[in-house]
Protein backbone atom coordinates (compact mmCIF):
# COMPACT_ATOMS: atom_id res chain seq x y z
CA UNK A 1 37.35 9.09 28.10
CA UNK A 2 34.88 10.39 30.63
CA UNK A 3 33.86 7.71 33.15
CA UNK A 4 31.37 4.81 32.82
CA UNK A 5 29.71 5.09 36.21
CA UNK A 6 26.23 4.62 37.77
CA UNK A 7 24.80 8.19 35.90
CA UNK A 8 26.13 6.89 32.98
CA UNK A 9 24.35 3.29 32.78
CA UNK A 10 21.07 4.61 34.16
CA UNK A 11 21.51 7.53 31.36
CA UNK A 12 22.10 4.71 28.86
CA UNK A 13 19.08 2.69 29.96
CA UNK A 14 16.76 5.62 30.20
CA UNK A 15 18.36 6.60 26.73
CA UNK A 16 18.08 3.30 25.29
CA UNK A 17 14.61 2.21 26.72
CA UNK A 18 12.92 5.58 24.73
CA UNK A 19 14.35 5.10 21.45
CA UNK A 20 13.41 1.22 21.52
CA UNK A 21 9.50 2.12 22.57
CA UNK A 22 9.67 5.16 19.74
CA UNK A 23 10.63 2.53 17.04
CA UNK A 24 8.02 0.38 18.62
CA UNK A 25 5.26 3.07 18.51
CA UNK A 26 6.54 4.30 14.85
CA UNK A 27 5.86 0.66 13.58
CA UNK A 28 2.40 0.59 15.25
CA UNK A 29 1.82 3.90 13.52
CA UNK A 30 2.74 2.57 10.05
CA UNK A 31 0.66 -0.69 10.23
CA UNK A 32 -2.17 2.09 10.77
CA UNK A 33 -1.27 3.71 7.89
CA UNK A 34 -0.61 6.79 10.08
CA UNK A 35 3.56 6.95 8.59
CA UNK A 36 3.42 6.09 4.75
CA UNK A 37 6.16 5.37 3.00
CA UNK A 38 9.61 3.08 3.70
CA UNK A 39 10.25 2.77 7.28
CA UNK A 40 13.63 1.29 8.70
CA UNK A 41 13.43 0.70 12.05
CA UNK A 42 16.80 0.24 14.99
CA UNK A 43 15.12 -2.07 17.18
CA UNK A 44 18.59 -4.18 18.90
CA UNK A 45 21.45 -1.79 17.94
CA UNK A 46 21.24 1.17 20.22
CA UNK A 47 24.22 0.24 22.01
CA UNK A 48 26.11 1.75 18.57
CA UNK A 49 24.32 5.33 19.10
CA UNK A 50 24.91 5.34 23.41
CA UNK A 51 28.31 4.26 23.34
CA UNK A 52 29.01 7.13 20.43
CA UNK A 53 27.12 9.77 22.49
CA UNK A 54 29.35 8.78 25.53
CA UNK A 55 32.67 10.17 24.28
CA UNK A 56 31.55 12.60 21.03
CA UNK A 57 31.42 16.19 21.56
CA UNK A 58 27.71 16.80 20.30
CA UNK A 59 28.51 21.09 19.73
CA UNK A 60 31.36 20.10 17.62
CA UNK A 61 31.38 16.79 16.13
CA UNK A 62 28.85 15.48 13.37
CA UNK A 63 27.08 12.43 12.41
CA UNK A 64 26.05 11.22 9.19
CA UNK A 65 24.02 8.37 8.06
CA UNK A 66 21.80 6.20 5.70
CA UNK A 67 18.01 5.54 6.18
CA UNK A 68 17.60 3.93 9.35
CA UNK A 69 18.07 7.35 10.92
CA UNK A 70 15.36 8.19 14.14
CA UNK A 71 17.99 6.99 16.78
CA UNK A 72 20.84 9.42 15.88
CA UNK A 73 19.41 12.82 15.45
CA UNK A 74 17.38 12.33 18.68
CA UNK A 75 20.50 11.34 20.59
CA UNK A 76 21.69 14.58 19.28
CA UNK A 77 19.33 16.42 20.92
CA UNK A 78 16.70 17.03 18.21
CA UNK A 79 13.17 16.81 19.77
CA UNK A 80 11.56 13.37 19.15
CA UNK A 81 8.20 14.77 18.56
CA UNK A 82 9.79 16.86 15.56
CA UNK A 83 11.09 13.48 14.59
CA UNK A 84 7.47 11.88 14.88
CA UNK A 85 6.03 14.89 12.67
CA UNK A 86 8.72 14.63 9.85
CA UNK A 87 7.36 10.53 9.84
CA UNK A 88 3.77 12.04 9.84
CA UNK A 89 4.29 13.94 6.94
CA UNK A 90 3.67 17.50 8.62
CA UNK A 91 4.87 20.94 8.20
CA UNK A 92 6.18 20.74 11.79
CA UNK A 93 8.81 17.97 10.94
CA UNK A 94 12.44 18.56 10.91
CA UNK A 95 12.26 18.65 6.82
CA UNK A 96 9.02 20.43 6.89
CA UNK A 97 7.63 16.97 6.14
CA UNK A 98 8.98 16.26 2.55
CA UNK A 99 11.80 14.14 3.68
CA UNK A 100 9.91 11.33 5.72
CA UNK A 101 11.41 8.33 7.86
CA UNK A 102 14.53 8.23 4.93
CA UNK A 103 15.32 11.97 5.38
CA UNK A 104 16.09 13.14 8.74
CA UNK A 105 18.03 16.45 9.20
CA UNK A 106 18.79 18.86 11.76
CA UNK A 107 22.25 21.02 10.80
CA UNK A 108 21.60 23.09 14.19
CA UNK A 109 22.33 19.81 15.92
CA UNK A 110 25.08 18.29 13.93
CA UNK A 111 22.71 15.76 12.18
CA UNK A 112 23.22 15.82 8.31
CA UNK A 113 20.85 12.89 7.25
CA UNK A 114 19.06 10.12 6.74
CA UNK A 115 20.38 9.21 3.17
CA UNK A 116 18.60 6.89 0.75
CA UNK A 117 20.48 6.16 -1.63
CA UNK A 118 23.12 3.18 -0.88
CA UNK A 119 26.42 3.87 0.58
CA UNK A 120 25.71 7.68 -0.51
CA UNK A 121 26.18 8.99 2.91
CA UNK A 122 29.67 7.59 3.03
CA UNK A 123 30.99 9.97 0.50
CA UNK A 124 29.21 13.02 1.75
CA UNK A 125 30.52 12.04 5.49
CA UNK A 126 33.98 12.54 3.61
CA UNK A 127 33.34 16.22 2.32
CA UNK A 128 32.19 17.09 6.04
CA UNK A 129 35.33 15.63 7.32
CA UNK A 130 37.42 17.92 4.60
CA UNK A 131 35.26 20.82 6.32
CA UNK A 132 35.98 20.49 9.28
CA UNK A 133 39.96 19.82 8.48
CA UNK A 134 40.10 22.56 6.60
CA UNK A 135 38.35 25.25 8.32
CA UNK A 136 40.32 23.81 11.20
CA UNK A 137 37.73 23.19 14.13
CA UNK A 138 38.97 20.13 15.75
CA UNK A 139 35.40 18.76 14.35
CA UNK A 140 35.16 14.67 14.17
CA UNK A 141 32.51 13.47 11.45
CA UNK A 142 30.73 10.31 12.82
CA UNK A 143 30.22 8.36 9.39
CA UNK A 144 27.70 5.19 9.42
CA UNK A 145 26.64 2.88 6.98
CA UNK A 146 24.83 -0.67 6.89
CA UNK A 147 26.72 -4.00 6.01
CA UNK A 148 24.89 -3.79 2.56
CA UNK A 149 26.83 0.03 1.58
CA UNK A 150 30.30 -1.58 2.32
CA UNK A 151 29.77 -3.03 -1.12
CA UNK A 152 29.22 -0.15 -3.20
CA UNK A 153 32.48 1.58 -4.85
CA UNK A 154 31.80 4.81 -3.50
CA UNK A 155 33.54 3.37 -0.40
CA UNK A 156 36.82 2.19 -1.64
CA UNK A 157 37.16 5.98 -3.39
CA UNK A 158 36.56 7.54 -0.21
CA UNK A 159 38.48 5.44 2.01
CA UNK A 160 41.58 5.97 -0.38
CA UNK A 161 40.61 9.67 -0.80
CA UNK A 162 40.31 10.19 3.15
CA UNK A 163 43.30 8.36 4.03
CA UNK A 164 45.59 10.15 1.37
CA UNK A 165 44.11 13.53 2.92
CA UNK A 166 43.99 12.11 6.88
CA UNK A 167 40.46 13.39 7.44
CA UNK A 168 38.67 13.50 10.26
CA UNK A 169 36.68 11.14 10.39
CA UNK A 170 35.24 7.51 11.73
CA UNK A 171 33.69 5.39 9.37
CA UNK A 172 31.26 2.87 11.34
CA UNK A 173 29.34 -0.25 9.78
CA UNK A 174 26.57 -0.89 12.00
CA UNK A 175 26.94 -4.57 10.92
CA UNK A 176 23.39 -6.39 11.58
CA UNK A 177 24.46 -8.92 9.00
CA UNK A 178 21.62 -8.85 6.67
CA UNK A 179 22.01 -5.88 4.51
CA UNK A 180 18.33 -5.62 2.79
CA UNK A 181 18.02 -9.37 3.45
CA UNK A 182 21.32 -11.36 2.35
CA UNK A 183 23.62 -12.28 4.46
CA UNK A 184 27.17 -11.21 4.68
CA UNK A 185 28.54 -14.41 3.96
CA UNK A 186 26.39 -14.76 0.85
CA UNK A 187 28.03 -11.33 -0.41
CA UNK A 188 31.53 -11.07 0.39
CA UNK A 189 34.26 -13.83 0.13
CA UNK A 190 34.83 -13.44 3.57
CA UNK A 191 32.40 -12.18 6.68
CA UNK A 192 34.95 -9.78 8.15
CA UNK A 193 33.80 -6.48 6.98
CA UNK A 194 36.86 -4.76 8.94
CA UNK A 195 39.43 -6.06 6.35
CA UNK A 196 38.26 -3.52 3.68
CA UNK A 197 40.42 -1.25 5.53
CA UNK A 198 43.72 -2.32 5.10
CA UNK A 199 43.76 -2.48 1.33
CA UNK A 200 44.13 1.28 2.53
CA UNK A 201 46.38 1.17 5.91
CA UNK A 202 43.61 2.41 7.84
CA UNK A 203 43.26 1.61 11.65
CA UNK A 204 40.36 -1.06 11.24
CA UNK A 205 38.88 -3.93 13.64
CA UNK A 206 35.51 -5.71 15.01
CA UNK A 207 33.60 -4.12 17.68
CA UNK A 208 31.15 -5.38 19.75
CA UNK A 209 28.23 -3.84 18.89
CA UNK A 210 25.59 -5.27 21.53
CA UNK A 211 27.80 -3.96 24.52
CA UNK A 212 27.64 0.09 24.89
CA UNK A 213 30.84 -0.04 26.66
CA UNK A 214 33.07 -1.60 24.15
CA UNK A 215 31.68 0.80 21.34
CA UNK A 216 32.56 3.70 23.72
CA UNK A 217 36.12 2.39 24.21
CA UNK A 218 36.50 1.93 20.19
CA UNK A 219 35.04 4.97 19.10
CA UNK A 220 36.79 7.11 21.60
CA UNK A 221 40.39 5.52 20.74
CA UNK A 222 38.89 6.43 16.81
CA UNK A 223 37.82 9.91 17.55
CA UNK A 224 41.09 10.99 19.56
CA UNK A 225 42.79 9.58 16.58
CA UNK A 226 40.86 11.74 14.11
CA UNK A 227 41.23 14.99 16.45
CA UNK A 228 45.19 14.20 16.41
CA UNK A 229 45.48 14.87 13.12
CA UNK A 230 46.04 11.30 12.40
CA UNK A 231 43.06 10.42 10.29
CA UNK A 232 40.36 8.01 9.73
CA UNK A 233 39.29 4.75 11.30
CA UNK A 234 36.99 2.26 10.03
CA UNK A 235 35.16 0.25 12.82
CA UNK A 236 33.35 -3.15 12.20
CA UNK A 237 30.41 -2.80 14.96
CA UNK A 238 28.70 -6.21 14.87
CA UNK A 239 24.77 -5.53 16.08
CA UNK A 240 21.56 -7.31 15.26
CA UNK A 241 18.48 -5.83 14.30
CA UNK A 242 15.16 -7.96 15.62
CA UNK A 243 12.81 -6.04 12.90
CA UNK A 244 13.29 -6.81 8.96
CA UNK A 245 15.35 -4.05 6.70
CA UNK A 246 12.12 -2.23 6.68
CA UNK A 247 8.36 -2.85 7.48
CA UNK A 248 7.64 -4.37 4.37
CA UNK A 249 10.42 -7.52 5.15
CA UNK A 250 9.17 -10.90 5.70
CA UNK A 251 12.70 -11.70 7.42
CA UNK A 252 12.17 -15.25 5.29
CA UNK A 253 16.52 -15.24 5.24
CA UNK A 254 16.50 -15.70 9.04
CA UNK A 255 15.14 -17.85 11.83
CA UNK A 256 12.97 -16.95 15.31
CA UNK A 257 15.46 -18.88 16.75
CA UNK A 258 18.23 -16.82 15.66
CA UNK A 259 16.59 -14.02 16.63
CA UNK A 260 15.85 -15.30 19.92
CA UNK A 261 19.54 -16.03 20.55
CA UNK A 262 20.33 -12.54 20.12
CA UNK A 263 17.64 -11.28 22.26
CA UNK A 264 19.48 -12.88 25.06
CA UNK A 265 22.33 -10.73 24.49
CA UNK A 266 20.25 -7.95 24.00
CA UNK A 267 21.99 -4.27 24.41
CA UNK A 268 18.80 -2.97 27.10
CA UNK A 269 19.10 -6.52 28.83
CA UNK A 270 22.78 -5.97 29.33
CA UNK A 271 22.61 -2.37 30.85
CA UNK A 272 19.72 -2.76 33.00
CA UNK A 273 21.24 -5.94 34.39
CA UNK A 274 24.71 -3.91 35.35
CA UNK A 275 22.15 -1.64 36.88
CA UNK A 276 20.98 -4.32 39.42
CA UNK A 277 24.10 -5.96 39.94
CA UNK A 278 25.82 -2.95 41.15
CA UNK A 279 22.46 -1.76 42.64
CA UNK A 280 22.49 1.45 40.92
CA UNK A 281 18.82 2.01 40.92
CA UNK A 282 15.96 0.12 42.81
CA UNK A 283 13.11 -1.51 41.22
CA UNK A 284 10.66 1.21 41.85
CA UNK A 285 13.38 3.50 40.21
CA UNK A 286 13.74 1.09 37.49
CA UNK A 287 9.71 1.01 36.85
CA UNK A 288 9.78 5.06 37.00
CA UNK A 289 12.13 5.33 34.10
CA UNK A 290 10.29 3.59 31.58
CA UNK A 291 7.56 6.42 32.10
CA UNK A 292 9.99 9.53 32.18
CA UNK A 293 9.29 10.70 28.28
CA UNK A 294 5.55 11.00 27.35
CA UNK A 295 5.33 8.66 23.99
CA UNK A 296 1.78 8.41 23.74
CA UNK A 297 1.71 12.44 24.11
CA UNK A 298 4.13 12.84 20.98
CA UNK A 299 1.74 10.52 19.10
CA UNK A 300 -1.20 11.62 20.01
CA UNK A 301 -0.12 15.08 19.08
CA UNK A 302 1.06 14.57 15.87
CA UNK A 303 -1.94 12.57 14.95
CA UNK A 304 -4.06 15.12 15.34
CA UNK A 305 -4.98 16.98 12.59
CA UNK A 306 -7.73 19.81 12.59
CA UNK A 307 -9.23 20.12 9.26
CA UNK A 308 -7.11 21.29 6.04
CA UNK A 309 -3.35 22.90 7.09
CA UNK A 310 -2.27 25.74 4.86
CA UNK A 311 1.32 24.45 3.34
CA UNK A 312 3.65 26.73 4.78
CA UNK A 313 5.21 29.23 2.32
CA UNK A 314 8.41 28.12 2.54
CA UNK A 315 7.45 24.78 1.15
CA UNK A 316 5.91 26.32 -1.79
CA UNK A 317 8.62 27.97 -2.50
CA UNK A 318 10.94 25.62 -2.52
CA UNK A 319 8.88 23.14 -4.41
CA UNK A 320 8.76 26.06 -7.00
CA UNK A 321 12.23 26.93 -7.02
CA UNK A 322 13.16 23.58 -7.52
CA UNK A 323 11.31 22.66 -10.16
CA UNK A 324 13.14 21.55 -13.62
CA UNK A 325 11.16 22.07 -16.95
CA UNK A 326 12.78 20.90 -19.94
CA UNK A 327 13.29 23.94 -22.60
CA UNK A 328 15.14 23.72 -25.45
CA UNK A 329 17.82 25.54 -26.56
CA UNK A 330 19.10 25.28 -30.58
CA UNK A 331 21.17 21.71 -29.58
CA UNK A 332 17.98 20.44 -27.07
CA UNK A 333 20.68 19.85 -23.94
CA UNK A 334 19.52 22.60 -22.06
CA UNK A 335 17.52 22.56 -18.73
CA UNK A 336 16.71 26.10 -16.69
CA UNK A 337 14.46 26.80 -13.75
CA UNK A 338 11.32 28.68 -14.15
CA UNK A 339 11.82 32.04 -12.73
CA UNK A 340 9.62 34.07 -10.32
CA UNK A 341 6.59 34.26 -12.70
CA UNK A 342 4.19 37.10 -11.86
CA UNK A 343 2.52 36.76 -15.03
CA UNK A 344 2.51 34.20 -18.16
CA UNK A 345 2.78 36.38 -20.89
CA UNK A 346 6.04 34.95 -21.87
CA UNK A 347 4.25 31.47 -22.25
CA UNK A 348 0.94 32.82 -23.70
CA UNK A 349 3.31 34.32 -26.76
CA UNK A 350 5.16 30.53 -27.19
CA UNK A 351 1.99 29.06 -28.20
CA UNK A 352 0.94 31.83 -30.15
CA UNK A 353 -0.25 30.19 -33.58
CA UNK A 354 0.77 26.85 -32.49
CA UNK A 355 -0.68 23.93 -34.47
CA UNK A 356 -1.91 20.91 -32.23
CA UNK A 357 -0.58 17.34 -33.05
CA UNK A 358 -3.45 15.83 -32.21
CA UNK A 359 -6.66 14.07 -34.10
CA UNK A 360 -8.72 15.73 -31.33
CA UNK A 361 -8.10 19.13 -32.17
CA UNK A 362 -8.53 21.16 -34.96
CA UNK A 363 -7.45 24.65 -33.42
CA UNK A 364 -4.39 26.35 -32.71
CA UNK A 365 -3.31 26.30 -28.97
CA UNK A 366 -4.14 29.63 -27.97
CA UNK A 367 -7.33 29.55 -29.60
CA UNK A 368 -8.12 26.24 -28.06
CA UNK A 369 -7.40 27.75 -24.77
CA UNK A 370 -9.52 30.85 -25.18
CA UNK A 371 -11.99 28.64 -26.14
CA UNK A 372 -12.17 26.05 -23.07
CA UNK A 373 -11.97 29.94 -20.98
CA UNK A 374 -15.24 31.16 -22.49
CA UNK A 375 -16.66 27.50 -21.89
CA UNK A 376 -15.74 27.72 -18.38
CA UNK A 377 -17.30 31.25 -18.09
CA UNK A 378 -20.38 30.08 -18.76
CA UNK A 379 -20.43 27.17 -16.03
CA UNK A 380 -21.96 27.90 -12.86
CA UNK A 381 -19.71 27.66 -9.58
CA UNK A 382 -20.14 24.49 -7.97
CA UNK A 383 -20.25 23.63 -3.96
CA UNK A 384 -16.04 23.38 -3.86
CA UNK A 385 -15.25 25.78 -6.53
CA UNK A 386 -15.62 29.12 -8.00
CA UNK A 387 -16.37 30.23 -11.14
CA UNK A 388 -12.72 31.71 -10.79
CA UNK A 389 -10.98 29.01 -10.10
CA UNK A 390 -12.44 26.54 -12.69
CA UNK A 391 -11.53 29.70 -15.17
CA UNK A 392 -8.30 29.56 -14.02
CA UNK A 393 -8.08 25.97 -15.01
CA UNK A 394 -9.37 27.00 -18.36
CA UNK A 395 -6.30 29.34 -18.77
CA UNK A 396 -3.63 27.04 -17.72
CA UNK A 397 -4.56 23.60 -18.17
CA UNK A 398 -2.59 23.62 -22.03
CA UNK A 399 -0.06 26.32 -21.06
CA UNK A 400 2.75 24.27 -21.14
CA UNK A 401 2.24 22.95 -24.34
CA UNK A 402 4.77 26.25 -25.65
CA UNK A 403 7.43 24.17 -23.37
CA UNK A 404 6.89 20.54 -24.65
CA UNK A 405 7.33 21.43 -28.23
CA UNK A 406 10.87 20.51 -29.81
CA UNK A 407 12.10 23.43 -32.42
CA UNK A 408 11.98 20.85 -35.35
CA UNK A 409 8.58 20.17 -35.24
CA UNK A 410 6.03 22.60 -37.44
CA UNK A 411 3.39 21.76 -35.11
CA UNK A 412 2.98 21.38 -31.21
CA UNK A 413 2.50 18.23 -29.32
CA UNK A 414 -0.22 16.91 -26.64
CA UNK A 415 0.75 14.59 -24.54
CA UNK A 416 3.94 13.12 -23.19
CA UNK A 417 7.11 14.05 -26.03
CA UNK A 418 10.43 13.88 -26.62
CA UNK A 419 11.64 17.35 -26.17
CA UNK A 420 15.64 17.04 -26.26
CA UNK A 421 18.97 15.48 -24.98
CA UNK A 422 20.69 16.47 -21.64
CA UNK A 423 24.18 15.29 -21.16
CA UNK A 424 23.56 11.23 -21.99
CA UNK A 425 19.60 11.07 -20.64
CA UNK A 426 16.48 11.79 -23.16
CA UNK A 427 14.48 14.38 -21.59
CA UNK A 428 10.50 14.03 -22.18
CA UNK A 429 7.86 16.81 -20.78
CA UNK A 430 4.08 16.53 -19.65
CA UNK A 431 2.54 19.86 -20.52
CA UNK A 432 -0.37 19.21 -17.98
CA UNK A 433 2.30 18.75 -15.27
CA UNK A 434 3.74 21.93 -16.20
CA UNK A 435 0.26 23.70 -16.53
CA UNK A 436 -0.37 22.66 -12.84
CA UNK A 437 2.93 24.25 -11.92
CA UNK A 438 2.14 27.06 -13.26
CA UNK A 439 -1.18 27.06 -11.12
CA UNK A 440 0.58 26.56 -7.98
CA UNK A 441 2.57 30.05 -8.57
CA UNK A 442 -0.43 31.84 -9.50
CA UNK A 443 -1.88 30.76 -5.92
CA UNK A 444 1.43 30.91 -3.96
CA UNK A 445 0.30 33.83 -2.12
CA UNK A 446 -2.97 32.51 -1.03
CA UNK A 447 -2.77 28.52 -1.23
CA UNK A 448 -6.45 26.88 0.00
CA UNK A 449 -7.42 23.56 -0.36
CA UNK A 450 -9.79 24.49 -3.04
CA UNK A 451 -6.60 25.94 -5.15
CA UNK A 452 -4.65 22.49 -4.44
CA UNK A 453 -7.76 20.61 -6.06
CA UNK A 454 -7.39 23.04 -8.90
CA UNK A 455 -3.72 21.73 -9.44
CA UNK A 456 -4.60 18.51 -8.97
CA UNK A 457 -7.44 18.39 -11.17
CA UNK A 458 -5.26 20.28 -13.89
CA UNK A 459 -2.25 17.97 -13.54
CA UNK A 460 -4.93 14.96 -13.88
CA UNK A 461 -7.15 16.21 -16.86
CA UNK A 462 -6.08 14.14 -19.83
CA UNK A 463 -7.54 10.98 -17.51
CA UNK A 464 -10.33 12.66 -19.17
CA UNK A 465 -9.69 10.41 -22.23
CA UNK A 466 -9.76 7.02 -20.66
CA UNK A 467 -13.12 8.04 -18.40
CA UNK A 468 -11.49 8.26 -15.50
CA UNK A 469 -11.27 4.48 -14.64
CA UNK A 470 -11.63 3.09 -12.07
CA UNK A 471 -8.15 1.74 -12.07
CA UNK A 472 -6.22 5.51 -12.70
CA UNK A 473 -8.77 6.47 -9.27
CA UNK A 474 -6.96 3.75 -7.15
CA UNK A 475 -4.27 4.28 -8.91
CA UNK A 476 -3.75 8.51 -7.85
CA UNK A 477 -6.28 8.12 -5.16
CA UNK A 478 -8.36 10.76 -6.58
CA UNK A 479 -11.25 12.06 -4.23
CA UNK A 480 -14.64 12.59 -5.82
CA UNK A 481 -14.36 16.02 -5.75
CA UNK A 482 -11.09 15.91 -8.44
CA UNK A 483 -13.00 13.60 -10.00
CA UNK A 484 -15.77 15.66 -10.60
CA UNK A 485 -13.94 18.56 -11.52
CA UNK A 486 -11.63 16.72 -13.98
CA UNK A 487 -14.91 15.35 -15.48
CA UNK A 488 -16.44 18.96 -16.00
CA UNK A 489 -13.74 20.69 -17.43
CA UNK A 490 -13.13 17.79 -20.15
CA UNK A 491 -16.64 18.63 -21.14
CA UNK A 492 -15.27 22.59 -21.07
CA UNK A 493 -12.45 20.80 -23.04
CA UNK A 494 -14.68 19.25 -25.75
CA UNK A 495 -16.02 22.55 -27.00
CA UNK A 496 -12.86 23.18 -28.70
CA UNK A 497 -12.48 19.37 -30.00
CA UNK A 498 -12.77 18.57 -34.07
CA UNK A 499 -16.31 18.44 -35.17
CA UNK A 500 -16.61 14.64 -35.90
CA UNK A 501 -18.99 13.11 -34.55
CA UNK A 502 -17.95 9.56 -34.30
CA UNK A 503 -15.24 10.68 -32.40
CA UNK A 504 -17.24 12.93 -30.20
CA UNK A 505 -20.16 10.26 -29.32
CA UNK A 506 -17.41 7.72 -28.12
CA UNK A 507 -15.71 10.61 -26.32
CA UNK A 508 -18.76 11.66 -24.30
CA UNK A 509 -19.50 7.73 -23.82
CA UNK A 510 -16.14 7.00 -22.09
CA UNK A 511 -17.11 10.89 -20.11
CA UNK A 512 -20.32 8.71 -18.55
CA UNK A 513 -18.47 5.85 -17.32
CA UNK A 514 -17.63 6.31 -13.41
CA UNK A 515 -15.41 3.01 -13.38
């Protein structure tokens, strides 16, 4: 193992302090609602990553972990600005803003996630290790998990396989004692998680996770064992997180006194104490370390948004290509992915003569669409929408009904209907969702803010039946322009509705309610 000297301690202090402050900045941004979704912070556990980085080869070895995953990629060399951008949902993020806090990836830096499924990464880590062995790379995979994940069945299946095949993987439990809010003592017959390895004759032991030296020594032994071809190791690295499972965790399961006791043996403080005791740096030099990396600048850069940012083509293409829409085969069990549709002739052919199954429509679907197109063409363009965009809305809003039709039905469908069975799962399709995706395809070469609003309006247009209630607006966070477009389109759509005075009057009165 590389010598742990003055350089090591100063590097540890600088990096661990930066990681801690990075997480603190994210917490602040979360409170300001600049970071959305879940946020799981690493405060208190920094010694684990610091110790691991001292002994691995970052150019060859790999890491995979769960959703508490901001620090690991930064340690491997990922630009923290890209991590921050990902959490802010920006296209410059590591997953193009689509993964958020829980799904950080960087193949070029040998970091393979960030996984939201509890314990899911355990088997994936073994799979990565299998690839390393098969390709004879000499690489080792560090597979991290929380103490809660050790209760998953996949751990046992993976442990058995990894030992059978002697895979080059180090399983590391970042044991912070409370999982998602329940202590180890309450979820296990005994608190010694490391003993799970004994059933598979896997080398295993507990490790002091508050001291990076202890972590480095034990991880080094495990990495060397794996590199020699002797198979996996399971390390129960006992650490402590100061914050809750996530930012939404009120932490009622532990006392403030307990947290304060652990702060007395804080991992960063331990490193600093060694630096001071051995006089590796003066007080002035230590103070200077705090400001080595411009955290405030990183935060500011990612907070700035200059108007509407065009969605990258790669992101749209990936969303489009991964869209799964139920299409019915004879046995109702097939799912196909929509291909590269340049025009919608095939979809139009599917709805020719298809009858509605609804008391609100008298015309067949293709006639209904044509009538709405005619109504749209008579509309004046608005401040935010051109006539062409409103016509597109009319063209595509019901196009998905051909896909949401079950072959055994003599008539088409109007809303959410059962369309078949895929494996053991019942499948339902939503025709306006399909229409929205068609719109996205239509606009893919020139996607503007206005186009996105049209796509949103197609997706939301069925809410017109409920007068677009205040509750619905709050739930979906619809802006005023989108609400207005939905209401305007509902009036156009009414041109092809059944002529029943009682129904029509009720419908129009609902449209007049703003909520």
